[in-house]
Amino acid sequence: MTTPPLPEQIELHRDRMWRRDEDLRIESAVDAERFIEDVGFANTLTDARRAGPSLYIAVCGRRDVSLPRNVQKDEETRLTWYLKDEVMRRGRVYYAKLAGGRSMFVAPRLISHFAAVWMPRRKDEPILLSTAAQRVLKVLRREHELATADLRAERALSNQTFPFVALHFPPFAFCRSFP
């Protein structure tokens, strides 16, 4: 069973908000940050087959976009990767792997809402989080903001790769007042 198409008025609103218009397409990290703030959250590298706002679609500036088979040679995909890295480096919006492990950007104003949905309750943390993730959370709850190197110095991390706890915000990891 297929869902009926949305009215054109809604699609036009989405075109404007999700930058699916050639005139509104994203070309810089500042544009990408504004886009994420405007929509609240956005997938990183998803195409028209997945619903919702997407940085890749906003970079392309059109409605019906499909990721090419060979993404290494595609200029729009390359620009999206560059913008993702630049936005993460600037640290004004949050980067997370949430639903199904898909990467997405989240506006700071929505972090507490996403945490309420995706973070485990404190009493469930020992069951759901690895020992390394629990150590990281313990340090972050005490310090609130630390660079990855400082987390390692606090012995929350070994030389292993940074364990994914909840949200990743290079170059800092934050733990806000999550429920």
N, C-alpha and C. Protein backbone atom coordinates (compact mmCIF):
# COMPACT_ATOMS: atom_id res chain seq x y z
N MET A 1 0.83 -1.17 0.00
CA MET A 1 0.00 0.00 0.00
C MET A 1 0.88 1.24 0.00
N THR A 2 0.66 2.12 -0.91
CA THR A 2 1.45 3.35 -1.00
C THR A 2 0.69 4.50 -0.35
N THR A 3 1.44 5.39 0.22
CA THR A 3 0.82 6.56 0.81
C THR A 3 0.53 7.58 -0.28
N PRO A 4 -0.59 8.29 -0.15
CA PRO A 4 -0.90 9.29 -1.17
C PRO A 4 0.11 10.43 -1.11
N PRO A 5 0.39 11.06 -2.24
CA PRO A 5 1.35 12.17 -2.25
C PRO A 5 0.82 13.35 -1.43
N LEU A 6 1.74 14.09 -0.89
CA LEU A 6 1.37 15.28 -0.12
C LEU A 6 0.89 16.38 -1.05
N PRO A 7 0.04 17.26 -0.56
CA PRO A 7 -0.39 18.40 -1.38
C PRO A 7 0.80 19.24 -1.82
N GLU A 8 0.70 19.84 -2.98
CA GLU A 8 1.79 20.62 -3.55
C GLU A 8 2.20 21.78 -2.64
N GLN A 9 1.26 22.35 -1.91
CA GLN A 9 1.57 23.45 -0.98
C GLN A 9 2.56 23.00 0.09
N ILE A 10 2.40 21.79 0.58
CA ILE A 10 3.33 21.26 1.59
C ILE A 10 4.69 21.00 0.97
N GLU A 11 4.70 20.43 -0.23
CA GLU A 11 5.98 20.17 -0.91
C GLU A 11 6.72 21.47 -1.21
N LEU A 12 6.01 22.51 -1.58
CA LEU A 12 6.65 23.80 -1.84
C LEU A 12 7.24 24.39 -0.54
N HIS A 13 6.52 24.22 0.56
CA HIS A 13 7.06 24.66 1.85
C HIS A 13 8.33 23.87 2.20
N ARG A 14 8.30 22.56 1.99
CA ARG A 14 9.49 21.74 2.23
C ARG A 14 10.64 22.15 1.32
N ASP A 15 10.32 22.44 0.05
CA ASP A 15 11.36 22.89 -0.87
C ASP A 15 12.08 24.12 -0.33
N ARG A 16 11.32 25.04 0.22
CA ARG A 16 11.90 26.27 0.76
C ARG A 16 12.67 25.99 2.05
N MET A 17 12.06 25.27 2.99
CA MET A 17 12.70 25.02 4.29
C MET A 17 13.90 24.07 4.18
N TRP A 18 13.78 23.04 3.36
CA TRP A 18 14.81 22.02 3.25
C TRP A 18 15.83 22.35 2.15
N ARG A 19 15.74 23.56 1.59
CA ARG A 19 16.67 24.06 0.57
C ARG A 19 16.68 23.17 -0.68
N ARG A 20 15.51 22.69 -1.06
CA ARG A 20 15.41 21.87 -2.27
C ARG A 20 15.13 22.74 -3.49
N ASP A 21 15.71 23.90 -3.51
CA ASP A 21 15.55 24.85 -4.60
C ASP A 21 16.95 25.32 -5.00
N GLU A 22 17.19 25.42 -6.28
CA GLU A 22 18.52 25.80 -6.79
C GLU A 22 18.99 27.14 -6.20
N ASP A 23 18.07 28.08 -6.02
CA ASP A 23 18.44 29.40 -5.49
C ASP A 23 18.79 29.36 -4.01
N LEU A 24 18.33 28.35 -3.28
CA LEU A 24 18.53 28.27 -1.84
C LEU A 24 19.59 27.25 -1.42
N ARG A 25 20.22 26.61 -2.39
CA ARG A 25 21.16 25.53 -2.06
C ARG A 25 22.31 26.00 -1.19
N ILE A 26 22.85 25.06 -0.44
CA ILE A 26 23.92 25.33 0.52
C ILE A 26 25.28 25.23 -0.15
N GLU A 27 26.11 26.24 0.11
CA GLU A 27 27.44 26.24 -0.50
C GLU A 27 28.55 26.50 0.50
N SER A 28 28.20 26.80 1.77
CA SER A 28 29.23 27.09 2.77
C SER A 28 28.82 26.52 4.12
N ALA A 29 29.79 26.47 5.03
CA ALA A 29 29.52 25.95 6.37
C ALA A 29 28.53 26.85 7.11
N VAL A 30 28.61 28.14 6.89
CA VAL A 30 27.67 29.07 7.53
C VAL A 30 26.26 28.79 7.04
N ASP A 31 26.12 28.58 5.72
CA ASP A 31 24.80 28.22 5.16
C ASP A 31 24.29 26.92 5.78
N ALA A 32 25.18 25.95 5.94
CA ALA A 32 24.79 24.66 6.50
C ALA A 32 24.33 24.82 7.95
N GLU A 33 25.04 25.63 8.73
CA GLU A 33 24.63 25.86 10.12
C GLU A 33 23.27 26.55 10.20
N ARG A 34 23.05 27.53 9.32
CA ARG A 34 21.74 28.20 9.29
C ARG A 34 20.63 27.23 8.93
N PHE A 35 20.92 26.37 7.96
CA PHE A 35 19.95 25.35 7.54
C PHE A 35 19.59 24.44 8.71
N ILE A 36 20.58 23.95 9.44
CA ILE A 36 20.34 23.05 10.57
C ILE A 36 19.56 23.77 11.67
N GLU A 37 19.90 25.02 11.94
CA GLU A 37 19.14 25.80 12.93
C GLU A 37 17.69 25.99 12.48
N ASP A 38 17.50 26.25 11.20
CA ASP A 38 16.14 26.48 10.68
C ASP A 38 15.26 25.24 10.78
N VAL A 39 15.82 24.08 10.38
CA VAL A 39 15.00 22.86 10.36
C VAL A 39 15.04 22.11 11.69
N GLY A 40 16.03 22.38 12.53
CA GLY A 40 16.12 21.72 13.84
C GLY A 40 17.04 20.52 13.82
N PHE A 41 16.91 19.67 12.82
CA PHE A 41 17.79 18.52 12.66
C PHE A 41 17.78 18.13 11.19
N ALA A 42 18.85 17.50 10.76
CA ALA A 42 18.95 17.10 9.35
C ALA A 42 19.86 15.88 9.24
N ASN A 43 19.46 14.96 8.38
CA ASN A 43 20.33 13.83 8.05
C ASN A 43 21.54 14.37 7.32
N THR A 44 22.60 13.60 7.30
CA THR A 44 23.82 14.08 6.67
C THR A 44 23.88 13.70 5.20
N LEU A 45 23.98 12.43 4.91
CA LEU A 45 24.13 11.98 3.52
C LEU A 45 22.99 11.05 3.11
N THR A 46 21.80 11.56 3.11
CA THR A 46 20.66 10.77 2.63
C THR A 46 20.07 11.46 1.42
N ASP A 47 19.44 10.67 0.58
CA ASP A 47 18.85 11.24 -0.62
C ASP A 47 17.33 11.22 -0.52
N ALA A 48 16.65 11.42 -1.65
CA ALA A 48 15.20 11.57 -1.66
C ALA A 48 14.46 10.30 -1.24
N ARG A 49 15.15 9.17 -1.20
CA ARG A 49 14.48 7.92 -0.80
C ARG A 49 14.21 7.88 0.70
N ARG A 50 14.84 8.74 1.47
CA ARG A 50 14.63 8.79 2.93
C ARG A 50 13.98 10.13 3.28
N ALA A 51 12.90 10.07 4.02
CA ALA A 51 12.14 11.28 4.34
C ALA A 51 12.92 12.18 5.30
N GLY A 52 12.65 13.46 5.23
CA GLY A 52 13.22 14.42 6.15
C GLY A 52 14.27 15.30 5.51
N PRO A 53 14.66 16.35 6.23
CA PRO A 53 15.69 17.25 5.70
C PRO A 53 17.05 16.56 5.66
N SER A 54 17.85 16.92 4.67
CA SER A 54 19.15 16.30 4.49
C SER A 54 20.15 17.33 4.00
N LEU A 55 21.34 17.31 4.59
CA LEU A 55 22.39 18.22 4.15
C LEU A 55 22.75 17.95 2.70
N TYR A 56 22.80 16.69 2.29
CA TYR A 56 23.14 16.35 0.91
C TYR A 56 22.11 16.93 -0.07
N ILE A 57 20.83 16.77 0.23
CA ILE A 57 19.78 17.30 -0.65
C ILE A 57 19.86 18.82 -0.71
N ALA A 58 20.15 19.45 0.45
CA ALA A 58 20.26 20.91 0.49
C ALA A 58 21.47 21.40 -0.31
N VAL A 59 22.54 20.62 -0.33
CA VAL A 59 23.71 20.97 -1.14
C VAL A 59 23.37 20.85 -2.62
N CYS A 60 22.61 19.80 -2.97
CA CYS A 60 22.22 19.61 -4.38
C CYS A 60 21.22 20.66 -4.83
N GLY A 61 20.32 21.08 -3.94
CA GLY A 61 19.36 22.12 -4.27
C GLY A 61 18.24 21.67 -5.19
N ARG A 62 17.86 20.40 -5.10
CA ARG A 62 16.73 19.91 -5.89
C ARG A 62 15.99 18.82 -5.13
N ARG A 63 14.78 18.55 -5.55
CA ARG A 63 13.88 17.68 -4.81
C ARG A 63 14.20 16.20 -4.96
N ASP A 64 14.36 15.73 -6.16
CA ASP A 64 14.54 14.29 -6.42
C ASP A 64 16.02 13.97 -6.65
N VAL A 65 16.73 13.76 -5.56
CA VAL A 65 18.17 13.52 -5.61
C VAL A 65 18.45 12.08 -5.20
N SER A 66 19.35 11.43 -5.92
CA SER A 66 19.81 10.09 -5.55
C SER A 66 21.32 10.12 -5.44
N LEU A 67 21.83 9.47 -4.39
CA LEU A 67 23.27 9.36 -4.26
C LEU A 67 23.81 8.51 -5.42
N PRO A 68 24.86 8.96 -6.08
CA PRO A 68 25.42 8.17 -7.17
C PRO A 68 26.13 6.92 -6.64
N ARG A 69 26.32 5.97 -7.52
CA ARG A 69 27.02 4.74 -7.12
C ARG A 69 28.46 5.02 -6.73
N ASN A 70 29.11 5.89 -7.47
CA ASN A 70 30.50 6.22 -7.21
C ASN A 70 30.56 7.61 -6.58
N VAL A 71 30.38 7.66 -5.27
CA VAL A 71 30.29 8.95 -4.58
C VAL A 71 31.62 9.70 -4.55
N GLN A 72 32.73 9.00 -4.73
CA GLN A 72 34.04 9.65 -4.69
C GLN A 72 34.21 10.67 -5.81
N LYS A 73 33.54 10.46 -6.93
CA LYS A 73 33.71 11.33 -8.08
C LYS A 73 32.60 12.37 -8.21
N ASP A 74 31.66 12.38 -7.29
CA ASP A 74 30.54 13.29 -7.37
C ASP A 74 30.85 14.58 -6.60
N GLU A 75 30.77 15.72 -7.27
CA GLU A 75 31.10 17.00 -6.65
C GLU A 75 30.16 17.36 -5.51
N GLU A 76 28.88 17.07 -5.66
CA GLU A 76 27.91 17.42 -4.61
C GLU A 76 28.15 16.58 -3.35
N THR A 77 28.49 15.31 -3.53
CA THR A 77 28.79 14.46 -2.37
C THR A 77 30.07 14.93 -1.71
N ARG A 78 31.05 15.27 -2.50
CA ARG A 78 32.32 15.77 -1.96
C ARG A 78 32.11 17.05 -1.16
N LEU A 79 31.29 17.96 -1.70
CA LEU A 79 31.01 19.21 -0.98
C LEU A 79 30.26 18.92 0.32
N THR A 80 29.34 17.97 0.30
CA THR A 80 28.61 17.62 1.51
C THR A 80 29.56 17.09 2.58
N TRP A 81 30.49 16.20 2.20
CA TRP A 81 31.48 15.68 3.16
C TRP A 81 32.33 16.81 3.72
N TYR A 82 32.77 17.71 2.85
CA TYR A 82 33.58 18.83 3.30
C TYR A 82 32.79 19.70 4.29
N LEU A 83 31.54 20.02 3.94
CA LEU A 83 30.72 20.85 4.82
C LEU A 83 30.45 20.16 6.15
N LYS A 84 30.22 18.85 6.11
CA LYS A 84 30.01 18.10 7.36
C LYS A 84 31.23 18.26 8.26
N ASP A 85 32.40 18.06 7.72
CA ASP A 85 33.63 18.19 8.51
C ASP A 85 33.82 19.62 9.02
N GLU A 86 33.53 20.59 8.17
CA GLU A 86 33.71 21.99 8.55
C GLU A 86 32.71 22.41 9.63
N VAL A 87 31.46 21.99 9.49
CA VAL A 87 30.44 22.30 10.49
C VAL A 87 30.80 21.65 11.83
N MET A 88 31.27 20.41 11.79
CA MET A 88 31.69 19.74 13.03
C MET A 88 32.88 20.47 13.66
N ARG A 89 33.82 20.92 12.85
CA ARG A 89 34.98 21.63 13.36
C ARG A 89 34.57 22.94 14.03
N ARG A 90 33.61 23.64 13.44
CA ARG A 90 33.15 24.92 13.99
C ARG A 90 32.39 24.73 15.30
N GLY A 91 31.73 23.59 15.48
CA GLY A 91 31.11 23.24 16.75
C GLY A 91 29.88 24.02 17.17
N ARG A 92 29.16 24.62 16.23
CA ARG A 92 27.96 25.39 16.59
C ARG A 92 26.68 24.57 16.55
N VAL A 93 26.73 23.43 15.92
CA VAL A 93 25.61 22.49 15.92
C VAL A 93 26.17 21.13 16.32
N TYR A 94 25.30 20.24 16.69
CA TYR A 94 25.72 18.93 17.20
C TYR A 94 25.61 17.87 16.12
N TYR A 95 26.51 16.94 16.16
CA TYR A 95 26.53 15.82 15.24
C TYR A 95 26.29 14.56 16.06
N ALA A 96 25.39 13.71 15.59
CA ALA A 96 25.05 12.52 16.36
C ALA A 96 24.74 11.37 15.42
N LYS A 97 24.85 10.18 15.95
CA LYS A 97 24.37 9.00 15.24
C LYS A 97 23.21 8.49 16.06
N LEU A 98 22.01 8.68 15.54
CA LEU A 98 20.83 8.34 16.30
C LEU A 98 20.07 7.21 15.63
N ALA A 99 18.93 7.49 15.09
CA ALA A 99 18.02 6.48 14.54
C ALA A 99 18.74 5.54 13.59
N GLY A 100 18.85 4.29 13.98
CA GLY A 100 19.47 3.30 13.11
C GLY A 100 20.93 3.56 12.84
N GLY A 101 21.59 4.33 13.68
CA GLY A 101 23.01 4.61 13.47
C GLY A 101 23.27 5.57 12.33
N ARG A 102 22.26 6.28 11.88
CA ARG A 102 22.44 7.24 10.78
C ARG A 102 22.94 8.57 11.35
N SER A 103 23.90 9.15 10.66
CA SER A 103 24.46 10.40 11.15
C SER A 103 23.53 11.56 10.84
N MET A 104 23.42 12.45 11.79
CA MET A 104 22.58 13.63 11.60
C MET A 104 23.09 14.78 12.44
N PHE A 105 22.69 15.97 12.03
CA PHE A 105 23.00 17.18 12.77
C PHE A 105 21.77 17.58 13.57
N VAL A 106 22.00 18.11 14.77
CA VAL A 106 20.90 18.54 15.63
C VAL A 106 21.20 19.95 16.12
N ALA A 107 20.20 20.83 16.03
CA ALA A 107 20.34 22.19 16.54
C ALA A 107 20.44 22.15 18.07
N PRO A 108 21.25 23.02 18.66
CA PRO A 108 21.41 23.01 20.12
C PRO A 108 20.08 23.10 20.89
N ARG A 109 19.11 23.82 20.35
CA ARG A 109 17.83 24.00 21.05
C ARG A 109 17.05 22.70 21.17
N LEU A 110 17.39 21.68 20.38
CA LEU A 110 16.65 20.41 20.41
C LEU A 110 17.39 19.28 21.12
N ILE A 111 18.57 19.54 21.64
CA ILE A 111 19.37 18.47 22.26
C ILE A 111 18.62 17.80 23.40
N SER A 112 18.00 18.57 24.27
CA SER A 112 17.30 17.96 25.41
C SER A 112 16.14 17.08 24.94
N HIS A 113 15.49 17.45 23.84
CA HIS A 113 14.40 16.64 23.31
C HIS A 113 14.93 15.32 22.73
N PHE A 114 16.03 15.41 21.98
CA PHE A 114 16.62 14.19 21.43
C PHE A 114 17.14 13.29 22.54
N ALA A 115 17.72 13.90 23.57
CA ALA A 115 18.23 13.11 24.69
C ALA A 115 17.09 12.39 25.39
N ALA A 116 15.95 13.06 25.53
CA ALA A 116 14.80 12.43 26.19
C ALA A 116 14.34 11.19 25.42
N VAL A 117 14.47 11.22 24.11
CA VAL A 117 14.04 10.09 23.28
C VAL A 117 15.12 9.02 23.17
N TRP A 118 16.38 9.42 22.97
CA TRP A 118 17.43 8.48 22.60
C TRP A 118 18.35 8.06 23.74
N MET A 119 18.47 8.87 24.78
CA MET A 119 19.39 8.52 25.88
C MET A 119 18.71 7.54 26.83
N PRO A 120 19.47 6.59 27.35
CA PRO A 120 18.87 5.68 28.34
C PRO A 120 18.69 6.41 29.67
N ARG A 121 17.75 5.94 30.46
CA ARG A 121 17.59 6.49 31.80
C ARG A 121 18.84 6.15 32.61
N ARG A 122 19.14 6.95 33.59
CA ARG A 122 20.38 6.77 34.35
C ARG A 122 20.44 5.38 34.99
N LYS A 123 19.31 4.89 35.47
CA LYS A 123 19.32 3.57 36.11
C LYS A 123 19.54 2.44 35.10
N ASP A 124 19.27 2.70 33.80
CA ASP A 124 19.47 1.68 32.77
C ASP A 124 20.87 1.74 32.13
N GLU A 125 21.64 2.77 32.44
CA GLU A 125 22.96 2.94 31.82
C GLU A 125 23.89 1.74 32.02
N PRO A 126 23.97 1.14 33.23
CA PRO A 126 24.87 -0.01 33.39
C PRO A 126 24.49 -1.20 32.50
N ILE A 127 23.24 -1.31 32.17
CA ILE A 127 22.78 -2.40 31.33
C ILE A 127 23.04 -2.11 29.85
N LEU A 128 22.82 -0.85 29.45
CA LEU A 128 22.83 -0.50 28.04
C LEU A 128 24.17 0.04 27.53
N LEU A 129 24.98 0.61 28.40
CA LEU A 129 26.23 1.23 27.95
C LEU A 129 27.43 0.37 28.32
N SER A 130 28.44 0.43 27.47
CA SER A 130 29.68 -0.29 27.75
C SER A 130 30.38 0.34 28.96
N THR A 131 31.35 -0.36 29.49
CA THR A 131 32.11 0.17 30.63
C THR A 131 32.83 1.46 30.24
N ALA A 132 33.41 1.49 29.04
CA ALA A 132 34.11 2.70 28.58
C ALA A 132 33.13 3.86 28.45
N ALA A 133 31.96 3.61 27.91
CA ALA A 133 30.96 4.68 27.76
C ALA A 133 30.51 5.20 29.12
N GLN A 134 30.37 4.31 30.10
CA GLN A 134 29.99 4.73 31.45
C GLN A 134 31.08 5.62 32.07
N ARG A 135 32.36 5.26 31.84
CA ARG A 135 33.46 6.07 32.37
C ARG A 135 33.45 7.47 31.75
N VAL A 136 33.20 7.53 30.44
CA VAL A 136 33.16 8.82 29.75
C VAL A 136 32.02 9.67 30.32
N LEU A 137 30.85 9.09 30.46
CA LEU A 137 29.72 9.85 31.01
C LEU A 137 30.00 10.33 32.43
N LYS A 138 30.65 9.53 33.23
CA LYS A 138 30.97 9.92 34.61
C LYS A 138 31.87 11.15 34.61
N VAL A 139 32.89 11.15 33.77
CA VAL A 139 33.80 12.29 33.69
C VAL A 139 33.07 13.50 33.14
N LEU A 140 32.26 13.32 32.11
CA LEU A 140 31.56 14.46 31.51
C LEU A 140 30.53 15.06 32.46
N ARG A 141 29.90 14.25 33.25
CA ARG A 141 28.94 14.78 34.22
C ARG A 141 29.65 15.62 35.28
N ARG A 142 30.88 15.27 35.59
CA ARG A 142 31.65 16.02 36.57
C ARG A 142 32.24 17.29 35.95
N GLU A 143 32.75 17.20 34.71
CA GLU A 143 33.48 18.31 34.09
C GLU A 143 32.64 19.12 33.10
N HIS A 144 31.60 18.56 32.55
CA HIS A 144 30.68 19.18 31.60
C HIS A 144 31.25 19.41 30.21
N GLU A 145 32.53 19.72 30.09
CA GLU A 145 33.09 19.99 28.77
C GLU A 145 34.56 19.64 28.79
N LEU A 146 34.96 18.72 27.92
CA LEU A 146 36.36 18.33 27.84
C LEU A 146 36.72 17.97 26.41
N ALA A 147 37.94 18.29 26.04
CA ALA A 147 38.45 17.82 24.76
C ALA A 147 38.74 16.32 24.89
N THR A 148 38.80 15.63 23.77
CA THR A 148 39.05 14.19 23.79
C THR A 148 40.36 13.87 24.50
N ALA A 149 41.39 14.67 24.27
CA ALA A 149 42.69 14.44 24.92
C ALA A 149 42.54 14.56 26.44
N ASP A 150 41.74 15.51 26.90
CA ASP A 150 41.52 15.66 28.35
C ASP A 150 40.74 14.48 28.91
N LEU A 151 39.81 13.95 28.13
CA LEU A 151 39.09 12.74 28.57
C LEU A 151 40.07 11.59 28.75
N ARG A 152 41.00 11.45 27.81
CA ARG A 152 42.01 10.40 27.92
C ARG A 152 42.86 10.62 29.17
N ALA A 153 43.22 11.87 29.44
CA ALA A 153 44.04 12.19 30.61
C ALA A 153 43.31 11.86 31.90
N GLU A 154 42.00 12.00 31.89
CA GLU A 154 41.18 11.67 33.07
C GLU A 154 41.02 10.16 33.22
N ARG A 155 41.63 9.40 32.32
CA ARG A 155 41.58 7.94 32.30
C ARG A 155 40.18 7.40 32.03
N ALA A 156 39.36 8.25 31.42
CA ALA A 156 38.05 7.76 31.00
C ALA A 156 38.20 6.97 29.72
N LEU A 157 39.28 7.25 28.98
CA LEU A 157 39.50 6.57 27.71
C LEU A 157 40.88 5.94 27.71
N SER A 158 40.98 4.81 27.05
CA SER A 158 42.29 4.22 26.82
C SER A 158 42.76 4.70 25.46
N ASN A 159 43.71 4.05 24.88
CA ASN A 159 44.19 4.43 23.57
C ASN A 159 43.27 3.96 22.46
N GLN A 160 42.20 3.31 22.83
CA GLN A 160 41.25 2.83 21.82
C GLN A 160 40.52 4.01 21.19
N THR A 161 39.78 3.74 20.16
CA THR A 161 39.00 4.76 19.50
C THR A 161 37.96 5.31 20.47
N PHE A 162 37.63 6.59 20.34
CA PHE A 162 36.65 7.24 21.20
C PHE A 162 35.35 6.46 21.15
N PRO A 163 34.91 5.91 22.28
CA PRO A 163 33.66 5.15 22.26
C PRO A 163 32.47 6.07 22.12
N PHE A 164 31.53 5.66 21.33
CA PHE A 164 30.33 6.47 21.11
C PHE A 164 29.44 6.36 22.32
N VAL A 165 29.16 7.47 22.95
CA VAL A 165 28.32 7.47 24.15
C VAL A 165 26.92 7.90 23.77
N ALA A 166 26.76 9.12 23.41
CA ALA A 166 25.43 9.62 23.08
C ALA A 166 25.53 10.56 21.91
N LEU A 167 26.32 11.58 22.05
CA LEU A 167 26.49 12.58 21.01
C LEU A 167 27.96 12.90 20.87
N HIS A 168 28.39 13.20 19.68
CA HIS A 168 29.79 13.48 19.41
C HIS A 168 29.88 14.89 18.85
N PHE A 169 30.64 15.75 19.50
CA PHE A 169 30.74 17.14 19.09
C PHE A 169 32.21 17.54 18.98
N PRO A 170 32.91 17.15 17.94
CA PRO A 170 34.32 17.54 17.85
C PRO A 170 34.46 19.04 17.88
N PRO A 171 35.50 19.59 18.47
CA PRO A 171 36.57 18.89 19.17
C PRO A 171 36.25 18.64 20.64
N PHE A 172 35.05 18.93 21.08
CA PHE A 172 34.70 18.72 22.47
C PHE A 172 33.54 17.74 22.59
N ALA A 173 33.47 17.09 23.72
CA ALA A 173 32.31 16.27 24.05
C ALA A 173 31.60 16.96 25.20
N PHE A 174 30.30 17.09 25.10
CA PHE A 174 29.52 17.77 26.11
C PHE A 174 28.54 16.82 26.74
N CYS A 175 28.22 17.06 27.98
CA CYS A 175 27.14 16.34 28.64
C CYS A 175 26.27 17.40 29.30
N ARG A 176 25.17 17.68 28.70
CA ARG A 176 24.25 18.68 29.25
C ARG A 176 23.38 17.99 30.30
N SER A 177 22.44 18.72 30.83
CA SER A 177 21.56 18.16 31.86
C SER A 177 20.55 17.23 31.21
N PHE A 178 21.03 16.07 30.79
CA PHE A 178 20.15 15.07 30.20
C PHE A 178 19.32 14.44 31.31
N PRO A 179 18.08 14.08 30.98
CA PRO A 179 17.24 13.45 32.01
C PRO A 179 17.75 12.09 32.43
